[in-house]
C-alpha atoms as a PDB file:
ATOM      1  CA  MET A   1     150.975  79.712  91.545  1.00  0.00           C
ATOM      2  CA  THR A   2     150.149  76.030  91.401  1.00  0.00           C
ATOM      3  CA  LEU A   3     146.720  74.506  91.938  1.00  0.00           C
ATOM      4  CA  GLY A   4     147.808  73.256  95.355  1.00  0.00           C
ATOM      5  CA  GLU A   5     148.947  76.733  96.399  1.00  0.00           C
ATOM      6  CA  GLU A   6     145.655  78.239  95.240  1.00  0.00           C
ATOM      7  CA  SER A   7     143.746  75.708  97.345  1.00  0.00           C
ATOM      8  CA  ARG A   8     145.804  76.509 100.431  1.00  0.00           C
ATOM      9  CA  ASN A   9     145.173  80.259 100.015  1.00  0.00           C
ATOM     10  CA  GLU A  10     141.410  79.957  99.581  1.00  0.00           C
ATOM     11  CA  THR A  11     139.236  81.164 102.459  1.00  0.00           C
ATOM     12  CA  PRO A  12     137.055  78.249 103.610  1.00  0.00           C
ATOM     13  CA  SER A  13     133.356  78.633 102.959  1.00  0.00           C
ATOM     14  CA  VAL A  14     131.327  77.507 105.972  1.00  0.00           C
ATOM     15  CA  ALA A  15     127.568  77.034 105.783  1.00  0.00           C
ATOM     16  CA  TRP A  16     125.541  79.197 108.205  1.00  0.00           C
ATOM     17  CA  PRO A  17     123.976  76.177 109.985  1.00  0.00           C
ATOM     18  CA  ASP A  18     127.499  74.914 110.734  1.00  0.00           C
ATOM     19  CA  VAL A  19     128.475  78.337 112.124  1.00  0.00           C
ATOM     20  CA  VAL A  20     125.396  78.305 114.342  1.00  0.00           C
ATOM     21  CA  LYS A  21     126.147  74.789 115.552  1.00  0.00           C
ATOM     22  CA  PHE A  22     129.762  75.717 116.351  1.00  0.00           C
ATOM     23  CA  VAL A  23     128.922  78.907 118.243  1.00  0.00           C
ATOM     24  CA  ARG A  24     126.191  77.241 120.283  1.00  0.00           C
ATOM     25  CA  GLN A  25     128.482  74.335 121.210  1.00  0.00           C
ATOM     26  CA  LEU A  26     131.288  76.733 122.110  1.00  0.00           C
ATOM     27  CA  GLY A  27     128.913  78.777 124.248  1.00  0.00           C
ATOM     28  CA  HIS A  28     127.689  75.617 125.978  1.00  0.00           C
ATOM     29  CA  ASP A  29     131.253  74.540 126.756  1.00  0.00           C
ATOM     30  CA  ILE A  30     132.208  77.960 128.114  1.00  0.00           C
ATOM     31  CA  ARG A  31     129.090  78.141 130.286  1.00  0.00           C
ATOM     32  CA  ASN A  32     130.033  74.779 131.809  1.00  0.00           C
ATOM     33  CA  ASN A  33     133.402  76.232 132.771  1.00  0.00           C
ATOM     34  CA  LEU A  34     131.736  79.359 134.130  1.00  0.00           C
ATOM     35  CA  ASN A  35     129.485  77.211 136.299  1.00  0.00           C
ATOM     36  CA  ALA A  36     132.586  75.611 137.785  1.00  0.00           C
ATOM     37  CA  VAL A  37     134.068  79.066 138.468  1.00  0.00           C
ATOM     38  CA  GLU A  38     130.788  80.133 140.105  1.00  0.00           C
ATOM     39  CA  LEU A  39     130.843  77.119 142.424  1.00  0.00           C
ATOM     40  CA  GLN A  40     134.459  77.762 143.346  1.00  0.00           C
ATOM     41  CA  SER A  41     133.810  81.449 144.021  1.00  0.00           C
ATOM     42  CA  ALA A  42     130.809  80.542 146.195  1.00  0.00           C
ATOM     43  CA  TYR A  43     133.123  78.289 148.226  1.00  0.00           C
ATOM     44  CA  LEU A  44     135.672  81.111 148.549  1.00  0.00           C
ATOM     45  CA  ALA A  45     132.929  83.434 149.778  1.00  0.00           C
ATOM     46  CA  GLU A  46     132.167  80.971 152.577  1.00  0.00           C
ATOM     47  CA  LEU A  47     135.847  80.802 153.567  1.00  0.00           C
ATOM     48  CA  ALA A  48     136.414  84.546 153.428  1.00  0.00           C
ATOM     49  CA  GLU A  49     136.255  86.311 156.784  1.00  0.00           C
ATOM     50  CA  GLU A  50     137.259  89.875 155.911  1.00  0.00           C
ATOM     51  CA  LEU A  51     134.481  92.095 154.532  1.00  0.00           C
ATOM     52  CA  GLU A  52     136.769  93.498 151.842  1.00  0.00           C
ATOM     53  CA  LEU A  53     137.626  90.004 150.607  1.00  0.00           C
ATOM     54  CA  LYS A  54     133.967  89.003 150.655  1.00  0.00           C
ATOM     55  CA  GLY A  55     133.191  92.067 148.523  1.00  0.00           C
ATOM     56  CA  GLU A  56     135.855  91.139 145.974  1.00  0.00           C
ATOM     57  CA  VAL A  57     134.532  87.586 145.718  1.00  0.00           C
ATOM     58  CA  GLN A  58     131.014  88.943 145.196  1.00  0.00           C
ATOM     59  CA  ARG A  59     132.244  91.179 142.358  1.00  0.00           C
ATOM     60  CA  LEU A  60     133.954  88.164 140.811  1.00  0.00           C
ATOM     61  CA  ARG A  61     130.674  86.237 140.920  1.00  0.00           C
ATOM     62  CA  GLU A  62     128.841  89.155 139.290  1.00  0.00           C
ATOM     63  CA  MET A  63     131.391  89.266 136.470  1.00  0.00           C
ATOM     64  CA  VAL A  64     131.004  85.531 135.866  1.00  0.00           C
ATOM     65  CA  SER A  65     127.215  85.954 135.847  1.00  0.00           C
ATOM     66  CA  GLU A  66     127.420  88.756 133.260  1.00  0.00           C
ATOM     67  CA  ILE A  67     129.522  86.587 130.960  1.00  0.00           C
ATOM     68  CA  GLY A  68     127.040  83.736 131.310  1.00  0.00           C
ATOM     69  CA  THR A  69     124.135  86.079 130.505  1.00  0.00           C
ATOM     70  CA  SER A  70     125.908  87.356 127.405  1.00  0.00           C
ATOM     71  CA  LEU A  71     126.512  83.818 126.190  1.00  0.00           C
ATOM     72  CA  GLN A  72     122.878  82.949 126.835  1.00  0.00           C
ATOM     73  CA  LYS A  73     121.731  85.925 124.738  1.00  0.00           C
ATOM     74  CA  LEU A  74     124.074  84.838 121.965  1.00  0.00           C
ATOM     75  CA  SER A  75     122.623  81.336 122.075  1.00  0.00           C
ATOM     76  CA  VAL A  76     119.077  82.722 121.877  1.00  0.00           C
ATOM     77  CA  GLY A  77     120.072  84.850 118.896  1.00  0.00           C
ATOM     78  CA  LEU A  78     121.190  81.719 117.083  1.00  0.00           C
ATOM     79  CA  SER A  79     118.379  79.439 118.197  1.00  0.00           C
ATOM     80  CA  GLN A  80     116.031  77.785 115.727  1.00  0.00           C
ATOM     81  CA  THR A  81     112.887  79.700 114.842  1.00  0.00           C
ATOM     82  CA  ALA A  82     109.963  77.309 115.244  1.00  0.00           C
ATOM     83  CA  PRO A  83     106.999  79.286 116.587  1.00  0.00           C
ATOM     84  CA  THR A  84     104.040  77.663 118.302  1.00  0.00           C
ATOM     85  CA  LEU A  85     101.143  79.606 116.817  1.00  0.00           C
ATOM     86  CA  ILE A  86      97.988  80.440 118.741  1.00  0.00           C
ATOM     87  CA  PRO A  87      95.165  82.964 118.170  1.00  0.00           C
ATOM     88  CA  TYR A  88      96.019  86.165 120.035  1.00  0.00           C
ATOM     89  CA  SER A  89      94.392  89.559 120.281  1.00  0.00           C
ATOM     90  CA  ALA A  90      96.446  92.185 118.437  1.00  0.00           C
ATOM     91  CA  ALA A  91      95.582  94.820 121.046  1.00  0.00           C
ATOM     92  CA  ASP A  92      96.643  92.502 123.881  1.00  0.00           C
ATOM     93  CA  PHE A  93      99.878  91.745 122.064  1.00  0.00           C
ATOM     94  CA  VAL A  94     100.721  95.457 121.847  1.00  0.00           C
ATOM     95  CA  GLN A  95      99.804  95.950 125.508  1.00  0.00           C
ATOM     96  CA  ASP A  96     102.084  93.059 126.476  1.00  0.00           C
ATOM     97  CA  LEU A  97     104.854  94.664 124.422  1.00  0.00           C
ATOM     98  CA  LYS A  98     104.439  97.980 126.224  1.00  0.00           C
ATOM     99  CA  GLN A  99     104.695  96.277 129.599  1.00  0.00           C
ATOM    100  CA  LYS A 100     107.816  94.394 128.536  1.00  0.00           C
ATOM    101  CA  LEU A 101     109.489  97.587 127.330  1.00  0.00           C
ATOM    102  CA  ALA A 102     108.632  99.402 130.556  1.00  0.00           C
ATOM    103  CA  LYS A 103     110.276  96.587 132.509  1.00  0.00           C
ATOM    104  CA  ASP A 104     113.370  96.145 130.328  1.00  0.00           C
ATOM    105  CA  PHE A 105     114.012  99.809 129.461  1.00  0.00           C
ATOM    106  CA  PRO A 106     112.695 101.928 132.359  1.00  0.00           C
ATOM    107  CA  ASN A 107     114.937 104.876 131.484  1.00  0.00           C
ATOM    108  CA  GLN A 108     114.031 104.974 127.794  1.00  0.00           C
ATOM    109  CA  ASN A 109     110.420 103.835 127.902  1.00  0.00           C
ATOM    110  CA  GLY A 110     109.117 107.382 128.364  1.00  0.00           C
ATOM    111  CA  LYS A 111     110.722 108.387 125.063  1.00  0.00           C
ATOM    112  CA  ILE A 112     108.411 106.136 123.033  1.00  0.00           C
ATOM    113  CA  ASN A 113     105.500 107.914 121.341  1.00  0.00           C
ATOM    114  CA  TRP A 114     102.813 105.346 120.556  1.00  0.00           C
ATOM    115  CA  ASP A 115     100.210 105.586 117.801  1.00  0.00           C
ATOM    116  CA  VAL A 116      98.062 102.461 118.050  1.00  0.00           C
ATOM    117  CA  GLN A 117      95.083 102.033 115.726  1.00  0.00           C
ATOM    118  CA  LEU A 118      93.616  98.628 116.465  1.00  0.00           C
ATOM    119  CA  LYS A 119      90.127  97.273 117.070  1.00  0.00           C
ATOM    120  CA  ASP A 120      89.334  93.620 117.687  1.00  0.00           C
ATOM    121  CA  GLU A 121      91.759  92.027 115.204  1.00  0.00           C
ATOM    122  CA  LYS A 122      93.415  88.732 116.061  1.00  0.00           C
ATOM    123  CA  LEU A 123      96.834  87.396 115.142  1.00  0.00           C
ATOM    124  CA  GLN A 124      98.083  83.830 114.723  1.00  0.00           C
ATOM    125  CA  ILE A 125     101.398  84.098 116.555  1.00  0.00           C
ATOM    126  CA  ASP A 126     103.788  82.742 119.123  1.00  0.00           C
ATOM    127  CA  PRO A 127     103.312  85.687 121.538  1.00  0.00           C
ATOM    128  CA  GLN A 128     106.653  85.363 123.314  1.00  0.00           C
ATOM    129  CA  MET A 129     108.683  84.901 120.156  1.00  0.00           C
ATOM    130  CA  ALA A 130     106.888  87.690 118.290  1.00  0.00           C
ATOM    131  CA  GLN A 131     107.473  89.970 121.253  1.00  0.00           C
ATOM    132  CA  GLN A 132     111.192  89.164 121.145  1.00  0.00           C
ATOM    133  CA  ALA A 133     111.305  90.352 117.546  1.00  0.00           C
ATOM    134  CA  LEU A 134     109.824  93.758 118.338  1.00  0.00           C
ATOM    135  CA  VAL A 135     111.718  94.254 121.593  1.00  0.00           C
ATOM    136  CA  GLU A 136     114.940  93.740 119.629  1.00  0.00           C
ATOM    137  CA  LEU A 137     114.074  96.709 117.409  1.00  0.00           C
ATOM    138  CA  PHE A 138     113.735  98.995 120.426  1.00  0.00           C
ATOM    139  CA  ALA A 139     116.908  97.601 122.000  1.00  0.00           C
ATOM    140  CA  ASN A 140     118.767  98.250 118.768  1.00  0.00           C
ATOM    141  CA  ALA A 141     117.461 101.819 118.566  1.00  0.00           C
ATOM    142  CA  PHE A 142     118.318 102.613 122.183  1.00  0.00           C
ATOM    143  CA  GLN A 143     121.788 101.097 121.801  1.00  0.00           C
ATOM    144  CA  ASN A 144     122.676 102.990 118.635  1.00  0.00           C
ATOM    145  CA  GLU A 145     121.324 106.363 119.753  1.00  0.00           C
ATOM    146  CA  ARG A 146     122.739 107.189 123.170  1.00  0.00           C
ATOM    147  CA  ASN A 147     121.158 110.673 123.189  1.00  0.00           C
ATOM    148  CA  LEU A 148     117.808 109.581 121.788  1.00  0.00           C
ATOM    149  CA  LYS A 149     115.103 112.090 122.726  1.00  0.00           C
ATOM    150  CA  SER A 150     112.074 110.353 121.257  1.00  0.00           C
ATOM    151  CA  ILE A 151     111.072 107.479 119.038  1.00  0.00           C
ATOM    152  CA  ALA A 152     107.731 106.803 117.334  1.00  0.00           C
ATOM    153  CA  ALA A 153     106.003 103.428 117.291  1.00  0.00           C
ATOM    154  CA  LYS A 154     103.007 103.050 114.985  1.00  0.00           C
ATOM    155  CA  VAL A 155     100.682 100.067 114.946  1.00  0.00           C
ATOM    156  CA  TYR A 156      97.808  99.661 112.507  1.00  0.00           C
ATOM    157  CA  ILE A 157      96.082  97.262 110.158  1.00  0.00           C
ATOM    158  CA  ASP A 158      96.913  97.450 106.471  1.00  0.00           C
ATOM    159  CA  PRO A 159      93.299  97.180 105.120  1.00  0.00           C
ATOM    160  CA  PRO A 160      92.179  94.941 102.266  1.00  0.00           C
ATOM    161  CA  SER A 161      90.225  97.736 100.552  1.00  0.00           C
ATOM    162  CA  GLN A 162      91.674  99.513  97.540  1.00  0.00           C
ATOM    163  CA  THR A 163      91.012 102.869  99.196  1.00  0.00           C
ATOM    164  CA  ALA A 164      93.858 102.411 101.651  1.00  0.00           C
ATOM    165  CA  SER A 165      96.244 105.308 102.041  1.00  0.00           C
ATOM    166  CA  PRO A 166      99.092 105.114  99.473  1.00  0.00           C
ATOM    167  CA  ALA A 167     101.538 106.237 102.136  1.00  0.00           C
ATOM    168  CA  ARG A 168     100.701 103.178 104.205  1.00  0.00           C
ATOM    169  CA  THR A 169     100.417 100.596 101.490  1.00  0.00           C
ATOM    170  CA  SER A 170     103.576 101.641  99.669  1.00  0.00           C
ATOM    171  CA  GLY A 171     106.052  98.784  99.921  1.00  0.00           C
ATOM    172  CA  ALA A 172     103.637  96.625 101.871  1.00  0.00           C
ATOM    173  CA  ALA A 173     103.824  92.890 101.258  1.00  0.00           C
ATOM    174  CA  GLY A 174     100.083  92.428 101.334  1.00  0.00           C
ATOM    175  CA  ASN A 175      96.732  93.685 102.618  1.00  0.00           C
ATOM    176  CA  GLY A 176      94.885  92.644 105.735  1.00  0.00           C
ATOM    177  CA  ARG A 177      98.031  92.641 107.839  1.00  0.00           C
ATOM    178  CA  PHE A 178      99.131  93.797 111.269  1.00  0.00           C
ATOM    179  CA  VAL A 179     101.768  96.471 110.741  1.00  0.00           C
ATOM    180  CA  PHE A 180     104.328  97.654 113.288  1.00  0.00           C
ATOM    181  CA  GLU A 181     106.542 100.602 112.348  1.00  0.00           C
ATOM    182  CA  LEU A 182     109.399 102.105 114.321  1.00  0.00           C
ATOM    183  CA  HIS A 183     110.390 105.642 113.276  1.00  0.00           C
ATOM    184  CA  GLU A 184     113.868 106.781 114.298  1.00  0.00           C
ATOM    185  CA  THR A 185     115.315 110.211 113.535  1.00  0.00           C
ATOM    186  CA  LYS A 186     118.804 109.781 112.084  1.00  0.00           C
ATOM    187  CA  THR A 187     120.529 112.847 110.662  1.00  0.00           C
ATOM    188  CA  LYS A 188     123.475 110.755 109.515  1.00  0.00           C
ATOM    189  CA  PHE A 189     122.555 107.422 108.030  1.00  0.00           C
ATOM    190  CA  GLU A 190     124.521 105.792 105.231  1.00  0.00           C
ATOM    191  CA  LEU A 191     123.826 102.082 105.656  1.00  0.00           C
ATOM    192  CA  PRO A 192     122.048 100.257 102.824  1.00  0.00           C
ATOM    193  CA  THR A 193     118.657  98.848 103.800  1.00  0.00           C
ATOM    194  CA  GLU A 194     118.133  96.353 100.957  1.00  0.00           C
ATOM    195  CA  ASN A 195     119.444  93.453 103.052  1.00  0.00           C
ATOM    196  CA  TRP A 196     118.242  94.711 106.432  1.00  0.00           C
ATOM    197  CA  GLY A 197     118.476  91.803 108.847  1.00  0.00           C
ATOM    198  CA  ARG A 198     119.955  89.444 106.263  1.00  0.00           C
ATOM    199  CA  GLU A 199     123.629  89.905 107.154  1.00  0.00           C
ATOM    200  CA  PRO A 200     124.433  88.349 110.547  1.00  0.00           C
ATOM    201  CA  LEU A 201     127.972  88.931 111.822  1.00  0.00           C
ATOM    202  CA  ARG A 202     128.510  91.627 109.151  1.00  0.00           C
ATOM    203  CA  HIS A 203     128.877  94.598 111.519  1.00  0.00           C
ATOM    204  CA  MET A 204     130.276  93.831 114.955  1.00  0.00           C
ATOM    205  CA  SER A 205     131.247  95.803 118.040  1.00  0.00           C
ATOM    206  CA  GLN A 206     131.833  94.878 121.660  1.00  0.00           C
ATOM    207  CA  GLY A 207     128.906  92.724 122.767  1.00  0.00           C
ATOM    208  CA  HIS A 208     127.026  93.133 119.473  1.00  0.00           C
ATOM    209  CA  TYR A 209     127.261  90.774 116.503  1.00  0.00           C
ATOM    210  CA  SER A 210     124.534  91.826 114.032  1.00  0.00           C
ATOM    211  CA  LEU A 211     122.342  88.966 115.215  1.00  0.00           C
ATOM    212  CA  GLY A 212     119.395  90.925 116.607  1.00  0.00           C
ATOM    213  CA  LEU A 213     117.919  92.189 113.351  1.00  0.00           C
ATOM    214  CA  HIS A 214     118.632  88.829 111.732  1.00  0.00           C
ATOM    215  CA  ARG A 215     116.672  87.165 114.525  1.00  0.00           C
ATOM    216  CA  THR A 216     113.790  89.623 114.063  1.00  0.00           C
ATOM    217  CA  ARG A 217     113.633  88.837 110.351  1.00  0.00           C
ATOM    218  CA  GLU A 218     113.648  85.094 110.972  1.00  0.00           C
ATOM    219  CA  ILE A 219     110.822  85.387 113.498  1.00  0.00           C
ATOM    220  CA  ALA A 220     108.717  87.591 111.229  1.00  0.00           C
ATOM    221  CA  GLU A 221     109.151  85.263 108.262  1.00  0.00           C
ATOM    222  CA  ALA A 222     108.482  82.172 110.399  1.00  0.00           C
ATOM    223  CA  HIS A 223     105.099  83.762 111.171  1.00  0.00           C
ATOM    224  CA  GLY A 224     104.386  84.271 107.475  1.00  0.00           C
ATOM    225  CA  GLY A 225     105.230  87.952 107.770  1.00  0.00           C
ATOM    226  CA  THR A 226     107.823  90.342 106.423  1.00  0.00           C
ATOM    227  CA  PHE A 227     110.541  92.595 107.799  1.00  0.00           C
ATOM    228  CA  GLY A 228     112.360  95.525 106.244  1.00  0.00           C
ATOM    229  CA  ALA A 229     113.560  99.091 106.621  1.00  0.00           C
ATOM    230  CA  ASN A 230     113.524 102.255 104.565  1.00  0.00           C
ATOM    231  CA  TYR A 231     115.426 105.491 105.137  1.00  0.00           C
ATOM    232  CA  GLN A 232     113.647 108.704 104.211  1.00  0.00           C
ATOM    233  CA  PRO A 233     116.316 111.374 103.528  1.00  0.00           C
ATOM    234  CA  ALA A 234     113.787 114.221 103.240  1.00  0.00           C
ATOM    235  CA  THR A 235     112.766 113.785 106.880  1.00  0.00           C
ATOM    236  CA  SER A 236     115.936 112.046 108.129  1.00  0.00           C
ATOM    237  CA  VAL A 237     113.846 109.167 109.464  1.00  0.00           C
ATOM    238  CA  LEU A 238     114.590 105.447 109.396  1.00  0.00           C
ATOM    239  CA  VAL A 239     111.382 103.434 109.267  1.00  0.00           C
ATOM    240  CA  THR A 240     111.650  99.800 110.331  1.00  0.00           C
ATOM    241  CA  LYS A 241     108.572  97.717 109.557  1.00  0.00           C
ATOM    242  CA  VAL A 242     107.294  94.316 110.656  1.00  0.00           C
ATOM    243  CA  MET A 243     104.135  92.944 109.044  1.00  0.00           C
ATOM    244  CA  LEU A 244     102.226  89.894 110.328  1.00  0.00           C
ATOM    245  CA  PRO A 245      99.145  88.168 108.907  1.00  0.00           C
ATOM    246  CA  ILE A 246      95.763  88.795 110.475  1.00  0.00           C
ATOM    247  CA  LEU A 247      93.868  85.717 111.580  1.00  0.00           C
ATOM    248  CA  ARG A 248      90.928  85.340 109.207  1.00  0.00           C
ATOM    249  CA  GLU A 249      87.535  84.941 110.815  1.00  0.00           C
ATOM    250  CA  GLY A 250      86.674  81.300 111.392  1.00  0.00           C
ATOM    251  CA  LYS A 251      90.290  80.134 110.941  1.00  0.00           C
ATOM    252  CA  SER A 252      92.646  78.937 113.648  1.00  0.00           C
ATOM    253  CA  SER A 253      95.321  76.307 114.110  1.00  0.00           C
END
């Protein structure tokens, strides 16, 4: 094989920022076309006189809307992570999260067992963006476990003292941090967790592109925090953990 043939057979290496730029532009172009279809279908609905035809046009509009929503979610998953940080009560943040989950997942919300151990700690976060990161973890759990009976969410502060529980500080990135843990029972789990959230587009299925966990990691790290997962074979539990810095007294942006 000649050098020219080798070059032709090589798989092109594309930088991730270029992939993001391409997908977002493609999504933008498709949404423009979908908007045109929506306008045309609205016009057809006005012309239609038969109820059956009106119903079919309405279903067409709903299908177009679903495609547009999916593209919008994809665009959000690839958007730049530039949080606007403000001081925010940790307890209020968790309460906001609970309300968001109740709204977005009314059928699964009752399956969440909360263990919240907070006092008056404050975070330095972008509340909406940080919430997105945690909501994604629940969405991922509910999507992957259709018959999920319960899921445990634990929230606590990893204390600065050396007397902290070894079970809680094991693997922690640092002390004095807000810790969110999601515990999922998984009797069959064979995925490696070393690169959890670092492999976008690695595992794909219909409507899912391995972007959610990647987005959660980017948000956590943009806040100066960490993100990871650990499977515990003895108890068949996958523990996903997000850690965020606590706002030190007297400090704010």
